[in-house]
Amino acid sequence: MALSDMMRLASQAEKEGVTLAEKISRCLSPEEIVRMQDDLETELASNYRNIEEFMGGIEVPSIDDMMSLGDEELLDLLGENVPASSDETAAE
């Protein structure tokens, strides 16, 4: 909820041509600001944990490993099928 409230305030601030800080200070009491900060902290921590869990199962090769790959191996790793350049096609 805090994130949607923050986005709403940001949108209003942009339409009014003021900063988000100005909009927050005009619209929210100090208690509401503290509550919103707490809610945002909880929401961000939860999102961070989700990313951490997702990334925990992903193996990322080192730069050294990537540099030692040949072009074909690198393309296979990236899963890309790059069509031949026009020069190579014309030569055939």
Protein backbone atom coordinates (compact mmCIF):
# COMPACT_ATOMS: atom_id res chain seq x y z
CA MET A 1 0.00 0.00 0.00
CA ALA A 2 2.80 2.43 0.85
CA LEU A 3 4.35 2.05 -2.58
CA SER A 4 1.09 2.86 -4.37
CA ASP A 5 0.58 5.87 -2.09
CA MET A 6 4.10 7.05 -2.82
CA MET A 7 3.57 6.64 -6.56
CA ARG A 8 0.30 8.57 -6.35
CA LEU A 9 2.03 11.40 -4.49
CA ALA A 10 4.89 11.39 -7.01
CA SER A 11 2.43 11.62 -9.90
CA GLN A 12 0.59 14.50 -8.23
CA ALA A 13 3.88 16.28 -7.49
CA GLU A 14 4.95 15.96 -11.12
CA LYS A 15 1.61 17.35 -12.35
CA GLU A 16 1.88 20.26 -9.93
CA GLY A 17 5.51 20.95 -10.80
CA VAL A 18 6.76 20.45 -7.24
CA THR A 19 9.20 17.99 -5.72
CA LEU A 20 8.03 14.81 -4.08
CA ALA A 21 9.49 16.06 -0.79
CA GLU A 22 7.32 19.20 -1.01
CA LYS A 23 4.23 17.15 -1.78
CA ILE A 24 4.90 14.76 1.10
CA SER A 25 5.53 17.56 3.58
CA ARG A 26 2.29 19.30 2.55
CA CYS A 27 0.06 16.21 2.46
CA LEU A 28 1.29 13.95 5.26
CA SER A 29 1.66 14.42 8.98
CA PRO A 30 4.97 13.45 10.62
CA GLU A 31 3.29 10.29 11.94
CA GLU A 32 2.05 9.35 8.47
CA ILE A 33 5.54 9.91 7.04
CA VAL A 34 7.07 7.60 9.65
CA ARG A 35 4.38 4.97 8.97
CA MET A 36 4.97 5.23 5.21
CA GLN A 37 8.74 4.88 5.70
CA ASP A 38 8.19 1.79 7.85
CA ASP A 39 5.83 0.29 5.27
CA LEU A 40 8.24 1.03 2.44
CA GLU A 41 11.11 -0.51 4.39
CA THR A 42 9.07 -3.69 4.94
CA GLU A 43 8.04 -3.82 1.29
CA LEU A 44 11.58 -3.27 0.01
CA ALA A 45 12.99 -5.90 2.38
CA SER A 46 10.42 -8.41 1.15
CA ASN A 47 11.25 -7.64 -2.49
CA TYR A 48 14.96 -7.95 -1.76
CA ARG A 49 14.40 -11.38 -0.16
CA ASN A 50 12.45 -12.50 -3.24
CA ILE A 51 15.28 -11.40 -5.53
CA GLU A 52 17.85 -13.05 -3.26
CA GLU A 53 15.90 -16.34 -3.32
CA PHE A 54 15.55 -16.19 -7.10
CA MET A 55 19.20 -15.39 -7.68
CA GLY A 56 20.33 -18.08 -5.25
CA GLY A 57 19.70 -20.75 -7.88
CA ILE A 58 21.43 -18.96 -10.73
CA GLU A 59 25.05 -19.65 -11.57
CA VAL A 60 26.77 -16.66 -13.15
CA PRO A 61 30.05 -17.31 -14.98
CA SER A 62 33.02 -15.16 -14.08
CA ILE A 63 34.37 -12.58 -16.50
CA ASP A 64 37.50 -14.72 -16.93
CA ASP A 65 35.33 -17.69 -17.92
CA MET A 66 33.42 -15.53 -20.39
CA MET A 67 36.63 -14.12 -21.90
CA SER A 68 38.02 -17.60 -22.51
CA LEU A 69 35.00 -18.67 -24.58
CA GLY A 70 35.14 -18.74 -28.34
CA ASP A 71 32.50 -16.97 -30.43
CA GLU A 72 30.40 -20.11 -30.92
CA GLU A 73 30.49 -21.00 -27.23
CA LEU A 74 29.59 -17.46 -26.26
CA LEU A 75 26.64 -17.42 -28.65
CA ASP A 76 25.49 -20.79 -27.31
CA LEU A 77 25.72 -19.46 -23.76
CA LEU A 78 23.69 -16.39 -24.68
CA GLY A 79 21.19 -18.54 -26.55
CA GLU A 80 21.25 -16.24 -29.53
CA ASN A 81 21.07 -17.27 -33.15
CA VAL A 82 22.81 -14.46 -34.97
CA PRO A 83 22.21 -14.52 -38.74
CA ALA A 84 25.19 -14.30 -41.07
CA SER A 85 26.31 -10.81 -41.98
CA SER A 86 25.51 -9.52 -45.46
CA ASP A 87 29.19 -9.84 -46.48
CA GLU A 88 29.27 -13.55 -45.67
CA THR A 89 25.92 -14.12 -47.37
CA ALA A 90 27.03 -12.32 -50.53
CA ALA A 91 30.21 -14.41 -50.75
CA GLU A 92 28.28 -17.69 -50.85
